[in-house]
């Protein structure tokens, strides 16, 4: 499975961005897909996850501002980010969890910078 992110960039506080992740290889519809982020000096953290059945989960830090969605036909997963804050600044990574054989894959990351 290969994952390629796009859509990062520089945005002002309160602005919006949409990240996209294109997957190739494997059976996309069977995978749990997620977005993680890592700020300088901090651990990588979960931002959003969507199951193969479409169930979503978010940490409190982004709940109500971020929305994850998937398009199984296009093999893409998107992260729509609204009301961005400076603390959202990080490298954002796309993640795929393959159920069988069990494995995990990461994209190369895309930088999101929110200016105050």
Protein backbone atom coordinates (compact mmCIF):
# COMPACT_ATOMS: atom_id res chain seq x y z
CA UNK A 1 0.00 0.00 0.00
CA UNK A 2 1.32 3.41 -0.97
CA UNK A 3 -0.12 6.60 0.45
CA UNK A 4 0.42 10.09 -0.97
CA UNK A 5 -0.83 13.17 0.88
CA UNK A 6 -1.57 16.56 -0.62
CA UNK A 7 -3.25 19.80 0.34
CA UNK A 8 -1.05 21.14 3.11
CA UNK A 9 0.03 24.74 3.26
CA UNK A 10 -0.05 28.01 5.16
CA UNK A 11 -3.34 29.36 6.46
CA UNK A 12 -4.36 32.08 8.91
CA UNK A 13 -6.03 31.39 12.24
CA UNK A 14 -9.69 30.63 11.69
CA UNK A 15 -9.11 29.46 8.14
CA UNK A 16 -9.77 26.12 6.48
CA UNK A 17 -7.76 23.49 4.65
CA UNK A 18 -8.54 20.14 3.12
CA UNK A 19 -5.95 17.38 3.05
CA UNK A 20 -6.23 14.45 0.70
CA UNK A 21 -4.57 11.06 0.71
CA UNK A 22 -4.49 8.87 -2.38
CA UNK A 23 -3.92 5.17 -1.83
CA UNK A 24 -2.68 2.54 -4.23
CA UNK A 25 -2.30 -1.17 -3.76
CA UNK A 26 -4.28 -3.39 -1.47
CA UNK A 27 -8.04 -3.42 -0.95
CA UNK A 28 -8.76 0.17 0.09
CA UNK A 29 -12.34 -0.43 1.17
CA UNK A 30 -11.20 -2.94 3.79
CA UNK A 31 -8.74 -0.59 5.45
CA UNK A 32 -9.20 1.62 8.46
CA UNK A 33 -7.86 5.00 7.38
CA UNK A 34 -6.61 7.74 9.63
CA UNK A 35 -4.85 11.06 9.88
CA UNK A 36 -2.16 11.75 12.44
CA UNK A 37 -0.04 14.79 13.09
CA UNK A 38 3.29 15.53 14.65
CA UNK A 39 4.41 18.95 15.82
CA UNK A 40 8.09 19.73 16.49
CA UNK A 41 9.22 18.18 19.76
CA UNK A 42 5.95 16.32 20.25
CA UNK A 43 4.76 12.76 19.73
CA UNK A 44 2.68 11.82 16.76
CA UNK A 45 -1.01 11.96 17.68
CA UNK A 46 -4.25 10.74 16.16
CA UNK A 47 -6.35 13.43 14.51
CA UNK A 48 -9.14 11.43 12.92
CA UNK A 49 -9.96 7.87 11.96
CA UNK A 50 -12.58 6.29 9.73
CA UNK A 51 -13.34 2.59 9.67
CA UNK A 52 -14.08 0.45 6.64
CA UNK A 53 -17.75 0.82 7.56
CA UNK A 54 -17.57 4.61 7.74
CA UNK A 55 -17.52 5.09 11.52
CA UNK A 56 -15.43 8.05 12.58
CA UNK A 57 -13.63 9.08 15.72
CA UNK A 58 -11.84 12.27 16.75
CA UNK A 59 -9.93 13.47 19.79
CA UNK A 60 -11.49 16.34 21.73
CA UNK A 61 -8.85 18.74 20.41
CA UNK A 62 -10.31 18.66 16.88
CA UNK A 63 -13.88 17.42 17.43
CA UNK A 64 -16.36 19.72 15.74
CA UNK A 65 -13.66 21.36 13.59
CA UNK A 66 -12.22 18.47 11.57
CA UNK A 67 -14.10 15.97 9.42
CA UNK A 68 -12.66 12.83 7.89
CA UNK A 69 -14.27 11.21 4.86
CA UNK A 70 -13.43 8.46 2.42
CA UNK A 71 -14.19 7.64 -1.19
CA UNK A 72 -13.67 3.93 -1.71
CA UNK A 73 -14.15 4.12 -5.46
CA UNK A 74 -11.44 6.76 -5.81
CA UNK A 75 -9.31 5.22 -3.04
CA UNK A 76 -8.96 8.51 -1.24
CA UNK A 77 -9.40 9.77 2.28
CA UNK A 78 -9.79 13.45 3.06
CA UNK A 79 -9.49 15.60 6.14
CA UNK A 80 -11.50 18.80 6.12
CA UNK A 81 -10.17 21.22 8.70
CA UNK A 82 -12.08 24.31 9.80
CA UNK A 83 -11.47 26.99 12.42
CA UNK A 84 -7.78 26.25 12.38
CA UNK A 85 -5.64 27.31 15.31
CA UNK A 86 -1.87 27.85 15.61
CA UNK A 87 -1.71 24.70 17.73
CA UNK A 88 -2.88 22.72 14.70
CA UNK A 89 0.48 23.44 13.07
CA UNK A 90 2.18 20.11 12.38
CA UNK A 91 3.14 17.61 9.75
CA UNK A 92 0.03 15.60 8.92
CA UNK A 93 0.36 11.94 8.00
CA UNK A 94 -2.08 9.60 6.30
CA UNK A 95 -2.31 6.13 7.83
CA UNK A 96 -3.76 2.86 6.58
CA UNK A 97 -4.40 -0.20 8.73
CA UNK A 98 -4.78 -3.31 6.63
CA UNK A 99 -6.74 -6.10 8.31
CA UNK A 100 -5.27 -9.07 6.43
CA UNK A 101 -2.42 -9.63 6.37
CA UNK A 102 -2.31 -7.26 9.32
CA UNK A 103 -0.10 -4.31 8.55
CA UNK A 104 0.16 -0.55 8.82
CA UNK A 105 1.31 2.01 6.27
CA UNK A 106 2.17 5.71 6.38
CA UNK A 107 2.37 8.50 3.86
CA UNK A 108 5.29 10.88 3.64
CA UNK A 109 3.46 13.69 5.42
CA UNK A 110 2.30 17.17 4.46
CA UNK A 111 3.02 20.37 6.38
CA UNK A 112 0.18 22.44 7.77
CA UNK A 113 1.11 25.82 9.23
CA UNK A 114 -1.46 28.06 10.92
CA UNK A 115 -0.29 31.61 11.44
CA UNK A 116 -1.58 33.72 14.31
